[in-house]
């Protein structure tokens, strides 16, 4: 899921030509969202549990999405 979010975010950066501070803020929002979801699970007690590994998996997924997008743009599309 986070790989897809990372890919879509990079595509939005490319299409909108956003400034660097905005791009950094938006990219950081993906891992922050994953962390917030884990923290909410810690306090909900609805059969869900907090896990550092889930946070790490979300971050790795987002990074993979960004790397796949960059590979597609620079290698496949030749830009």
C-alpha atoms as a PDB file:
ATOM      1  CA  UNK A   1       0.000   0.000   0.000  1.00  0.00           C
ATOM      2  CA  UNK A   2       2.721   2.481   0.935  1.00  0.00           C
ATOM      3  CA  UNK A   3       4.714   1.641  -2.190  1.00  0.00           C
ATOM      4  CA  UNK A   4       1.653   2.702  -4.196  1.00  0.00           C
ATOM      5  CA  UNK A   5       1.296   5.888  -2.171  1.00  0.00           C
ATOM      6  CA  UNK A   6       4.962   6.719  -2.687  1.00  0.00           C
ATOM      7  CA  UNK A   7       4.653   6.123  -6.433  1.00  0.00           C
ATOM      8  CA  UNK A   8       1.532   8.288  -6.733  1.00  0.00           C
ATOM      9  CA  UNK A   9       3.141  11.059  -4.707  1.00  0.00           C
ATOM     10  CA  UNK A  10       6.184  11.114  -6.991  1.00  0.00           C
ATOM     11  CA  UNK A  11       3.891  11.234 -10.027  1.00  0.00           C
ATOM     12  CA  UNK A  12       2.100  14.228  -8.488  1.00  0.00           C
ATOM     13  CA  UNK A  13       5.463  15.953  -7.943  1.00  0.00           C
ATOM     14  CA  UNK A  14       6.345  15.404 -11.587  1.00  0.00           C
ATOM     15  CA  UNK A  15       2.996  16.650 -12.912  1.00  0.00           C
ATOM     16  CA  UNK A  16       2.672  19.680 -10.620  1.00  0.00           C
ATOM     17  CA  UNK A  17       6.341  20.746 -10.608  1.00  0.00           C
ATOM     18  CA  UNK A  18       6.208  21.495  -6.871  1.00  0.00           C
ATOM     19  CA  UNK A  19       8.980  23.306  -5.007  1.00  0.00           C
ATOM     20  CA  UNK A  20      11.478  21.244  -3.020  1.00  0.00           C
ATOM     21  CA  UNK A  21      10.178  22.132   0.502  1.00  0.00           C
ATOM     22  CA  UNK A  22       6.665  21.086  -0.470  1.00  0.00           C
ATOM     23  CA  UNK A  23       7.951  17.821  -1.960  1.00  0.00           C
ATOM     24  CA  UNK A  24       9.904  17.004   1.207  1.00  0.00           C
ATOM     25  CA  UNK A  25       6.882  17.777   3.399  1.00  0.00           C
ATOM     26  CA  UNK A  26       4.571  15.627   1.291  1.00  0.00           C
ATOM     27  CA  UNK A  27       7.034  12.739   1.112  1.00  0.00           C
ATOM     28  CA  UNK A  28       7.428  12.781   4.893  1.00  0.00           C
ATOM     29  CA  UNK A  29       3.648  12.701   5.284  1.00  0.00           C
ATOM     30  CA  UNK A  30       3.532   9.079   4.081  1.00  0.00           C
ATOM     31  CA  UNK A  31       5.682   7.631   6.915  1.00  0.00           C
ATOM     32  CA  UNK A  32       4.048   9.980   9.429  1.00  0.00           C
ATOM     33  CA  UNK A  33       0.628   8.614   8.408  1.00  0.00           C
ATOM     34  CA  UNK A  34       1.890   5.068   8.947  1.00  0.00           C
ATOM     35  CA  UNK A  35       3.239   5.983  12.376  1.00  0.00           C
ATOM     36  CA  UNK A  36      -0.037   7.657  13.368  1.00  0.00           C
ATOM     37  CA  UNK A  37      -1.995   4.563  12.332  1.00  0.00           C
ATOM     38  CA  UNK A  38       0.235   2.412  14.533  1.00  0.00           C
ATOM     39  CA  UNK A  39      -0.100   4.781  17.501  1.00  0.00           C
ATOM     40  CA  UNK A  40      -3.898   4.766  17.122  1.00  0.00           C
ATOM     41  CA  UNK A  41      -3.820   0.959  17.153  1.00  0.00           C
ATOM     42  CA  UNK A  42      -1.876   1.093  20.417  1.00  0.00           C
ATOM     43  CA  UNK A  43      -4.737   2.956  22.134  1.00  0.00           C
ATOM     44  CA  UNK A  44      -7.794   1.440  20.396  1.00  0.00           C
ATOM     45  CA  UNK A  45      -7.705  -2.075  21.902  1.00  0.00           C
ATOM     46  CA  UNK A  46      -9.953  -3.414  19.144  1.00  0.00           C
ATOM     47  CA  UNK A  47      -7.911  -6.519  18.360  1.00  0.00           C
ATOM     48  CA  UNK A  48      -5.160  -4.439  16.743  1.00  0.00           C
ATOM     49  CA  UNK A  49      -1.681  -3.943  18.109  1.00  0.00           C
ATOM     50  CA  UNK A  50       1.226  -1.531  17.786  1.00  0.00           C
ATOM     51  CA  UNK A  51       4.281  -2.843  15.953  1.00  0.00           C
ATOM     52  CA  UNK A  52       7.610  -1.229  15.142  1.00  0.00           C
ATOM     53  CA  UNK A  53       7.951  -3.692  12.275  1.00  0.00           C
ATOM     54  CA  UNK A  54       4.770  -2.330  10.693  1.00  0.00           C
ATOM     55  CA  UNK A  55       6.211   1.179  10.842  1.00  0.00           C
ATOM     56  CA  UNK A  56       9.405  -0.074   9.226  1.00  0.00           C
ATOM     57  CA  UNK A  57       7.426  -1.924   6.546  1.00  0.00           C
ATOM     58  CA  UNK A  58       5.426   1.237   5.762  1.00  0.00           C
ATOM     59  CA  UNK A  59       8.611   3.267   5.411  1.00  0.00           C
ATOM     60  CA  UNK A  60      10.311   0.661   3.230  1.00  0.00           C
ATOM     61  CA  UNK A  61       7.198   0.429   1.050  1.00  0.00           C
ATOM     62  CA  UNK A  62       7.132   4.185   0.523  1.00  0.00           C
ATOM     63  CA  UNK A  63      10.814   4.208  -0.390  1.00  0.00           C
ATOM     64  CA  UNK A  64      10.324   1.327  -2.838  1.00  0.00           C
ATOM     65  CA  UNK A  65       7.475   3.211  -4.508  1.00  0.00           C
ATOM     66  CA  UNK A  66       9.656   6.299  -4.927  1.00  0.00           C
ATOM     67  CA  UNK A  67      12.573   4.270  -6.277  1.00  0.00           C
ATOM     68  CA  UNK A  68      10.385   2.392  -8.765  1.00  0.00           C
ATOM     69  CA  UNK A  69       8.921   5.668 -10.000  1.00  0.00           C
ATOM     70  CA  UNK A  70      12.363   7.245 -10.388  1.00  0.00           C
ATOM     71  CA  UNK A  71      13.564   4.160 -12.261  1.00  0.00           C
ATOM     72  CA  UNK A  72      10.552   4.322 -14.585  1.00  0.00           C
ATOM     73  CA  UNK A  73      10.984   8.021 -15.324  1.00  0.00           C
ATOM     74  CA  UNK A  74      14.744   8.079 -15.815  1.00  0.00           C
ATOM     75  CA  UNK A  75      15.378   4.642 -17.359  1.00  0.00           C
ATOM     76  CA  UNK A  76      12.227   3.606 -19.152  1.00  0.00           C
ATOM     77  CA  UNK A  77      10.858   6.985 -20.244  1.00  0.00           C
ATOM     78  CA  UNK A  78      14.302   8.507 -20.770  1.00  0.00           C
ATOM     79  CA  UNK A  79      13.671  11.833 -19.010  1.00  0.00           C
END
